[in-house]
Amino acid sequence: MSKPIYNEDCKFKTLDQALFSHELLDIICNNLKLLQIAEEFAMILIRLLLMTLNRGTAMVSYTPAAMKAELHERGWRMTPQREIILNTFQNIEKGQHLSAEELCELLKEEGEPISLSTIYRNLKLMSRMGILRELELAEGQKRYEINQPSPHHHHHLICVRCNKTIEFKNDSVLKAGAKMADKSGYHLLDCQLLIHAVCPSCQRSIMPV
């Protein structure tokens, strides 16, 4: 008979039972990792399917109702927090890009406080769904914008000192990206050009006349 041992729950178990519990925990953890990978892969397939179906057409404009329907199809809910985040991005000034921290502060000012951890989770989810566009406008700084319906791709010129951003349209970038992806056997999901520079105002502060 296995020798009894004392566990954290103040209950005696045999050594064989304890070893079995650890093995079971390892199996559960491995299955959770597999489920996460499967979920990521399923989202990529969904985006590829939507891009194939909508090829040559303008991007879908997301409304709360459209987002709710898509979340429902994926087994998720349209929470009040998700609707607030979507509405905020739809109502901010065109060309404005928000970080998670900036969004958190903005919502506090508007009387709609949401925890930063909840904001991070939903920004990631909405980016994976294609509702938001994630941009690394400066080194290590992720910002987000709403994916607006447009027949043209827009890109960004960013000041590395003050983060001032100018959007510009250039379809040749998308064509070059699509050509390279096709040549390499890849399926293009997105194509972004980020130009890092120093704006005139910051140049004057660095090198005053």
Protein backbone atom coordinates (compact mmCIF):
# COMPACT_ATOMS: atom_id res chain seq x y z
CA MET A 1 0.00 0.00 0.00
CA SER A 2 1.29 3.50 -0.88
CA LYS A 3 2.31 5.72 1.99
CA PRO A 4 -0.24 8.50 2.73
CA ILE A 5 0.91 12.07 2.11
CA TYR A 6 -0.56 15.41 3.21
CA ASN A 7 -1.62 17.86 0.52
CA GLU A 8 -2.40 21.61 0.50
CA ASP A 9 -6.13 21.00 0.87
CA CYS A 10 -5.50 19.34 4.26
CA LYS A 11 -6.57 15.91 2.93
CA PHE A 12 -4.55 12.72 2.92
CA LYS A 13 -3.77 11.08 -0.42
CA THR A 14 -1.62 8.16 -1.40
CA LEU A 15 1.56 8.82 -3.34
CA ASP A 16 0.03 7.03 -6.35
CA GLN A 17 -3.00 9.33 -6.21
CA ALA A 18 -0.79 12.41 -5.96
CA LEU A 19 1.30 11.32 -8.95
CA PHE A 20 -1.88 10.63 -10.92
CA SER A 21 -3.17 14.13 -10.05
CA HIS A 22 0.03 15.71 -11.38
CA GLU A 23 -0.19 13.67 -14.57
CA LEU A 24 -3.83 14.70 -15.00
CA LEU A 25 -2.90 18.36 -14.48
CA ASP A 26 -0.19 18.08 -17.15
CA ILE A 27 -2.71 16.57 -19.56
CA ILE A 28 -5.22 19.37 -18.88
CA CYS A 29 -2.55 22.08 -19.38
CA ASN A 30 -1.38 20.51 -22.65
CA ASN A 31 -4.97 20.28 -23.92
CA LEU A 32 -5.58 23.94 -23.06
CA LYS A 33 -2.51 24.91 -25.08
CA LEU A 34 -3.77 22.84 -28.01
CA LEU A 35 -7.20 24.50 -27.77
CA GLN A 36 -5.56 27.95 -27.81
CA ILE A 37 -3.54 27.04 -30.91
CA ALA A 38 -6.66 25.65 -32.58
CA GLU A 39 -8.57 28.85 -31.80
CA GLU A 40 -5.80 31.00 -33.31
CA PHE A 41 -5.73 28.80 -36.42
CA ALA A 42 -9.52 28.91 -36.76
CA MET A 43 -9.48 32.73 -36.64
CA ILE A 44 -6.85 32.85 -39.39
CA LEU A 45 -8.99 30.54 -41.55
CA ILE A 46 -12.07 32.70 -40.95
CA ARG A 47 -10.18 35.85 -41.98
CA LEU A 48 -8.85 34.11 -45.10
CA LEU A 49 -12.38 32.98 -46.02
CA LEU A 50 -13.79 36.49 -45.51
CA MET A 51 -11.00 38.00 -47.61
CA THR A 52 -11.67 35.46 -50.38
CA LEU A 53 -15.41 36.15 -50.34
CA ASN A 54 -14.91 39.93 -50.24
CA ARG A 55 -12.00 40.12 -52.69
CA GLY A 56 -12.32 43.21 -54.83
CA THR A 57 -14.90 44.79 -52.54
CA ALA A 58 -14.64 47.41 -49.84
CA MET A 59 -13.94 46.41 -46.24
CA VAL A 60 -16.94 45.59 -44.06
CA SER A 61 -18.04 48.46 -41.80
CA TYR A 62 -18.55 47.14 -38.29
CA THR A 63 -21.59 48.27 -36.34
CA PRO A 64 -22.43 47.00 -32.83
CA ALA A 65 -25.04 44.73 -34.43
CA ALA A 66 -22.54 43.31 -36.94
CA MET A 67 -19.94 42.78 -34.25
CA LYS A 68 -22.52 41.11 -32.00
CA ALA A 69 -23.48 38.71 -34.79
CA GLU A 70 -19.88 37.77 -35.52
CA LEU A 71 -19.06 37.29 -31.84
CA HIS A 72 -22.14 35.07 -31.50
CA GLU A 73 -20.98 32.91 -34.43
CA ARG A 74 -17.67 32.38 -32.63
CA GLY A 75 -19.34 31.52 -29.34
CA TRP A 76 -18.66 34.84 -27.60
CA ARG A 77 -20.87 37.60 -26.24
CA MET A 78 -21.19 41.28 -27.13
CA THR A 79 -20.38 42.60 -23.66
CA PRO A 80 -21.06 46.22 -22.66
CA GLN A 81 -17.29 46.78 -22.51
CA ARG A 82 -16.81 45.60 -26.10
CA GLU A 83 -19.62 47.84 -27.34
CA ILE A 84 -18.15 50.85 -25.50
CA ILE A 85 -14.70 50.22 -27.02
CA LEU A 86 -16.16 49.86 -30.53
CA ASN A 87 -18.23 53.04 -30.18
CA THR A 88 -15.21 54.95 -28.87
CA PHE A 89 -13.07 54.05 -31.88
CA GLN A 90 -15.93 54.89 -34.25
CA ASN A 91 -16.39 58.34 -32.68
CA ILE A 92 -12.78 59.54 -32.27
CA GLU A 93 -11.27 61.94 -34.76
CA LYS A 94 -10.33 60.40 -38.10
CA GLY A 95 -6.67 59.45 -38.19
CA GLN A 96 -6.39 59.25 -34.40
CA HIS A 97 -4.70 56.16 -32.99
CA LEU A 98 -5.09 55.08 -29.38
CA SER A 99 -2.93 52.90 -27.18
CA ALA A 100 -4.54 50.72 -24.51
CA GLU A 101 -3.47 53.21 -21.84
CA GLU A 102 -4.83 56.20 -23.77
CA LEU A 103 -8.14 54.41 -24.33
CA CYS A 104 -8.34 53.60 -20.61
CA GLU A 105 -7.81 57.27 -19.68
CA LEU A 106 -10.29 58.48 -22.31
CA LEU A 107 -13.00 56.15 -21.03
CA LYS A 108 -12.40 57.33 -17.46
CA GLU A 109 -12.85 60.95 -18.58
CA GLU A 110 -16.09 60.01 -20.36
CA GLY A 111 -17.43 58.24 -17.25
CA GLU A 112 -17.15 54.75 -18.75
CA PRO A 113 -14.24 53.25 -16.76
CA ILE A 114 -12.95 49.87 -17.93
CA SER A 115 -9.97 48.12 -16.37
CA LEU A 116 -6.74 48.16 -18.36
CA SER A 117 -6.54 44.35 -18.39
CA THR A 118 -10.04 44.14 -19.92
CA ILE A 119 -9.07 46.73 -22.52
CA TYR A 120 -5.94 44.78 -23.49
CA ARG A 121 -7.93 41.55 -23.92
CA ASN A 122 -10.61 43.18 -26.06
CA LEU A 123 -8.17 45.15 -28.22
CA LYS A 124 -6.38 41.90 -29.02
CA LEU A 125 -9.66 40.12 -29.78
CA MET A 126 -11.03 42.93 -31.96
CA SER A 127 -7.73 43.13 -33.86
CA ARG A 128 -7.80 39.39 -34.55
CA MET A 129 -11.39 39.75 -35.80
CA GLY A 130 -10.34 42.53 -38.17
CA ILE A 131 -12.51 45.16 -36.48
CA LEU A 132 -9.50 47.13 -35.29
CA ARG A 133 -6.12 47.55 -36.92
CA GLU A 134 -3.07 47.14 -34.69
CA LEU A 135 -0.15 49.43 -35.47
CA GLU A 136 3.30 49.59 -33.95
CA LEU A 137 3.78 53.30 -34.63
CA ALA A 138 6.88 53.61 -32.47
CA GLU A 139 9.25 51.03 -31.09
CA GLY A 140 7.35 48.84 -28.64
CA GLN A 141 4.24 51.06 -28.69
CA LYS A 142 1.10 49.44 -30.06
CA ARG A 143 -1.79 51.67 -31.08
CA TYR A 144 -5.14 50.90 -32.63
CA GLU A 145 -7.55 52.37 -35.14
CA ILE A 146 -10.91 51.32 -36.53
CA ASN A 147 -10.77 49.40 -39.82
CA GLN A 148 -12.72 51.80 -42.02
CA PRO A 149 -14.26 50.68 -45.33
CA SER A 150 -12.08 52.03 -48.12
CA PRO A 151 -11.10 50.96 -51.64
CA HIS A 152 -7.54 52.15 -50.85
CA HIS A 153 -4.99 51.06 -48.29
CA HIS A 154 -3.58 53.81 -46.10
CA HIS A 155 -0.18 53.93 -44.48
CA HIS A 156 1.53 55.99 -41.79
CA LEU A 157 4.33 58.51 -41.45
CA ILE A 158 5.28 58.65 -37.76
CA CYS A 159 7.46 61.05 -35.78
CA VAL A 160 9.62 58.92 -33.48
CA ARG A 161 9.87 61.73 -30.90
CA CYS A 162 6.30 63.00 -30.44
CA ASN A 163 4.37 60.16 -32.20
CA LYS A 164 2.58 62.63 -34.49
CA THR A 165 1.18 60.54 -37.32
CA ILE A 166 0.20 61.41 -40.88
CA GLU A 167 -1.86 58.96 -42.92
CA PHE A 168 -1.40 58.64 -46.65
CA LYS A 169 -2.82 56.38 -49.36
CA ASN A 170 -0.67 54.40 -51.75
CA ASP A 171 -2.07 51.34 -53.50
CA SER A 172 1.33 50.45 -54.98
CA VAL A 173 2.45 49.26 -51.53
CA LEU A 174 -0.44 46.79 -51.38
CA LYS A 175 0.24 45.61 -54.93
CA ALA A 176 3.92 45.04 -54.15
CA GLY A 177 3.03 43.18 -50.96
CA ALA A 178 0.46 41.02 -52.72
CA LYS A 179 2.94 40.22 -55.50
CA MET A 180 5.65 39.20 -53.03
CA ALA A 181 3.22 37.11 -50.96
CA ASP A 182 1.91 35.33 -54.07
CA LYS A 183 5.44 34.67 -55.33
CA SER A 184 6.37 33.08 -51.99
CA GLY A 185 3.17 31.04 -51.78
CA TYR A 186 1.72 33.12 -48.93
CA HIS A 187 -1.86 34.41 -48.62
CA LEU A 188 -1.80 38.14 -47.88
CA LEU A 189 -3.78 39.24 -44.79
CA ASP A 190 -2.65 42.84 -44.47
CA CYS A 191 -0.03 45.18 -45.84
CA GLN A 192 1.22 48.17 -43.85
CA LEU A 193 3.94 50.70 -44.51
CA LEU A 194 5.25 52.55 -41.45
CA ILE A 195 7.71 55.34 -42.12
CA HIS A 196 9.61 56.47 -39.01
CA ALA A 197 10.95 60.00 -39.18
CA VAL A 198 11.31 63.25 -37.18
CA CYS A 199 8.63 65.91 -37.75
CA PRO A 200 9.56 69.58 -38.48
CA SER A 201 8.57 70.70 -34.96
CA CYS A 202 10.82 68.13 -33.29
CA GLN A 203 13.63 68.94 -35.72
CA ARG A 204 13.50 72.56 -34.58
CA SER A 205 13.65 71.52 -30.93
CA ILE A 206 16.65 69.31 -31.61
CA MET A 207 18.47 71.82 -33.82
CA PRO A 208 17.18 75.31 -32.98
CA VAL A 209 17.87 77.97 -35.57
